[in-house]
């Protein structure tokens, strides 16, 4: 099983997820870094990305 996700979708997701992560209250502040992680969750809590939409979508490379 492979998930082919266009870079535009990854960038939008990572930007929103990073904003959310830094908005959470914590005891110790969190540094802002250039490192971002993209995890496509397969359960219902996928935060707006439907994994089935990207599963085995090799046709994205045919453009």
C-alpha atoms as a PDB file:
ATOM      1  CA  UNK A   1       0.000   0.000   0.000  1.00  0.00           C
ATOM      2  CA  UNK A   2       1.439   3.359  -1.060  1.00  0.00           C
ATOM      3  CA  UNK A   3       0.112   6.866  -0.603  1.00  0.00           C
ATOM      4  CA  UNK A   4       1.004   9.414  -3.267  1.00  0.00           C
ATOM      5  CA  UNK A   5       0.267  12.884  -1.895  1.00  0.00           C
ATOM      6  CA  UNK A   6       0.890  15.993  -4.035  1.00  0.00           C
ATOM      7  CA  UNK A   7       3.401  18.426  -2.546  1.00  0.00           C
ATOM      8  CA  UNK A   8       0.799  21.224  -2.450  1.00  0.00           C
ATOM      9  CA  UNK A   9      -1.429  19.117  -0.189  1.00  0.00           C
ATOM     10  CA  UNK A  10       1.527  18.178   2.024  1.00  0.00           C
ATOM     11  CA  UNK A  11       2.632  21.827   2.333  1.00  0.00           C
ATOM     12  CA  UNK A  12      -0.872  23.025   3.247  1.00  0.00           C
ATOM     13  CA  UNK A  13      -1.321  20.268   5.804  1.00  0.00           C
ATOM     14  CA  UNK A  14       2.086  20.780   7.421  1.00  0.00           C
ATOM     15  CA  UNK A  15       1.570  24.547   7.655  1.00  0.00           C
ATOM     16  CA  UNK A  16      -1.826  24.176   9.368  1.00  0.00           C
ATOM     17  CA  UNK A  17      -0.588  21.379  11.626  1.00  0.00           C
ATOM     18  CA  UNK A  18       2.452  23.421  12.692  1.00  0.00           C
ATOM     19  CA  UNK A  19       0.257  26.406  13.572  1.00  0.00           C
ATOM     20  CA  UNK A  20      -1.983  24.133  15.617  1.00  0.00           C
ATOM     21  CA  UNK A  21       1.008  22.513  17.370  1.00  0.00           C
ATOM     22  CA  UNK A  22       2.430  25.884  18.414  1.00  0.00           C
ATOM     23  CA  UNK A  23      -0.957  27.166  19.575  1.00  0.00           C
ATOM     24  CA  UNK A  24      -1.236  24.498  22.292  1.00  0.00           C
ATOM     25  CA  UNK A  25      -0.433  25.687  25.804  1.00  0.00           C
ATOM     26  CA  UNK A  26       2.568  24.085  27.488  1.00  0.00           C
ATOM     27  CA  UNK A  27       4.603  24.425  30.648  1.00  0.00           C
ATOM     28  CA  UNK A  28       7.781  24.972  28.615  1.00  0.00           C
ATOM     29  CA  UNK A  29       7.812  26.932  25.338  1.00  0.00           C
ATOM     30  CA  UNK A  30       8.516  25.086  22.092  1.00  0.00           C
ATOM     31  CA  UNK A  31      11.096  26.396  19.627  1.00  0.00           C
ATOM     32  CA  UNK A  32      10.146  27.222  16.064  1.00  0.00           C
ATOM     33  CA  UNK A  33      12.336  25.221  13.699  1.00  0.00           C
ATOM     34  CA  UNK A  34      12.440  24.471   9.977  1.00  0.00           C
ATOM     35  CA  UNK A  35      11.832  20.760  10.617  1.00  0.00           C
ATOM     36  CA  UNK A  36       8.323  19.528   9.788  1.00  0.00           C
ATOM     37  CA  UNK A  37       6.842  16.037   9.922  1.00  0.00           C
ATOM     38  CA  UNK A  38       4.123  14.739   7.635  1.00  0.00           C
ATOM     39  CA  UNK A  39       2.181  11.748   8.894  1.00  0.00           C
ATOM     40  CA  UNK A  40      -0.835  10.522   6.987  1.00  0.00           C
ATOM     41  CA  UNK A  41      -3.030   8.814   9.542  1.00  0.00           C
ATOM     42  CA  UNK A  42      -5.207   5.931   8.423  1.00  0.00           C
ATOM     43  CA  UNK A  43      -7.818   6.242  11.169  1.00  0.00           C
ATOM     44  CA  UNK A  44     -10.740   8.647  11.377  1.00  0.00           C
ATOM     45  CA  UNK A  45      -8.624  11.312  13.093  1.00  0.00           C
ATOM     46  CA  UNK A  46      -6.700  12.214   9.935  1.00  0.00           C
ATOM     47  CA  UNK A  47      -7.052  15.987  10.509  1.00  0.00           C
ATOM     48  CA  UNK A  48      -8.663  16.760   7.195  1.00  0.00           C
ATOM     49  CA  UNK A  49      -6.719  14.489   4.851  1.00  0.00           C
ATOM     50  CA  UNK A  50      -8.599  11.459   3.571  1.00  0.00           C
ATOM     51  CA  UNK A  51      -6.034   8.657   3.142  1.00  0.00           C
ATOM     52  CA  UNK A  52      -8.186   6.846   0.582  1.00  0.00           C
ATOM     53  CA  UNK A  53      -7.918   9.879  -1.705  1.00  0.00           C
ATOM     54  CA  UNK A  54      -4.143   9.311  -1.998  1.00  0.00           C
ATOM     55  CA  UNK A  55      -3.881   5.525  -1.876  1.00  0.00           C
ATOM     56  CA  UNK A  56      -1.992   4.166  -4.914  1.00  0.00           C
ATOM     57  CA  UNK A  57      -2.611   7.351  -6.924  1.00  0.00           C
ATOM     58  CA  UNK A  58       0.311   6.875  -9.293  1.00  0.00           C
ATOM     59  CA  UNK A  59      -1.504   8.908 -11.943  1.00  0.00           C
ATOM     60  CA  UNK A  60      -0.302  12.080 -10.159  1.00  0.00           C
ATOM     61  CA  UNK A  61       3.054  11.454 -11.864  1.00  0.00           C
ATOM     62  CA  UNK A  62       1.514  11.390 -15.345  1.00  0.00           C
ATOM     63  CA  UNK A  63       0.847  15.126 -15.541  1.00  0.00           C
END
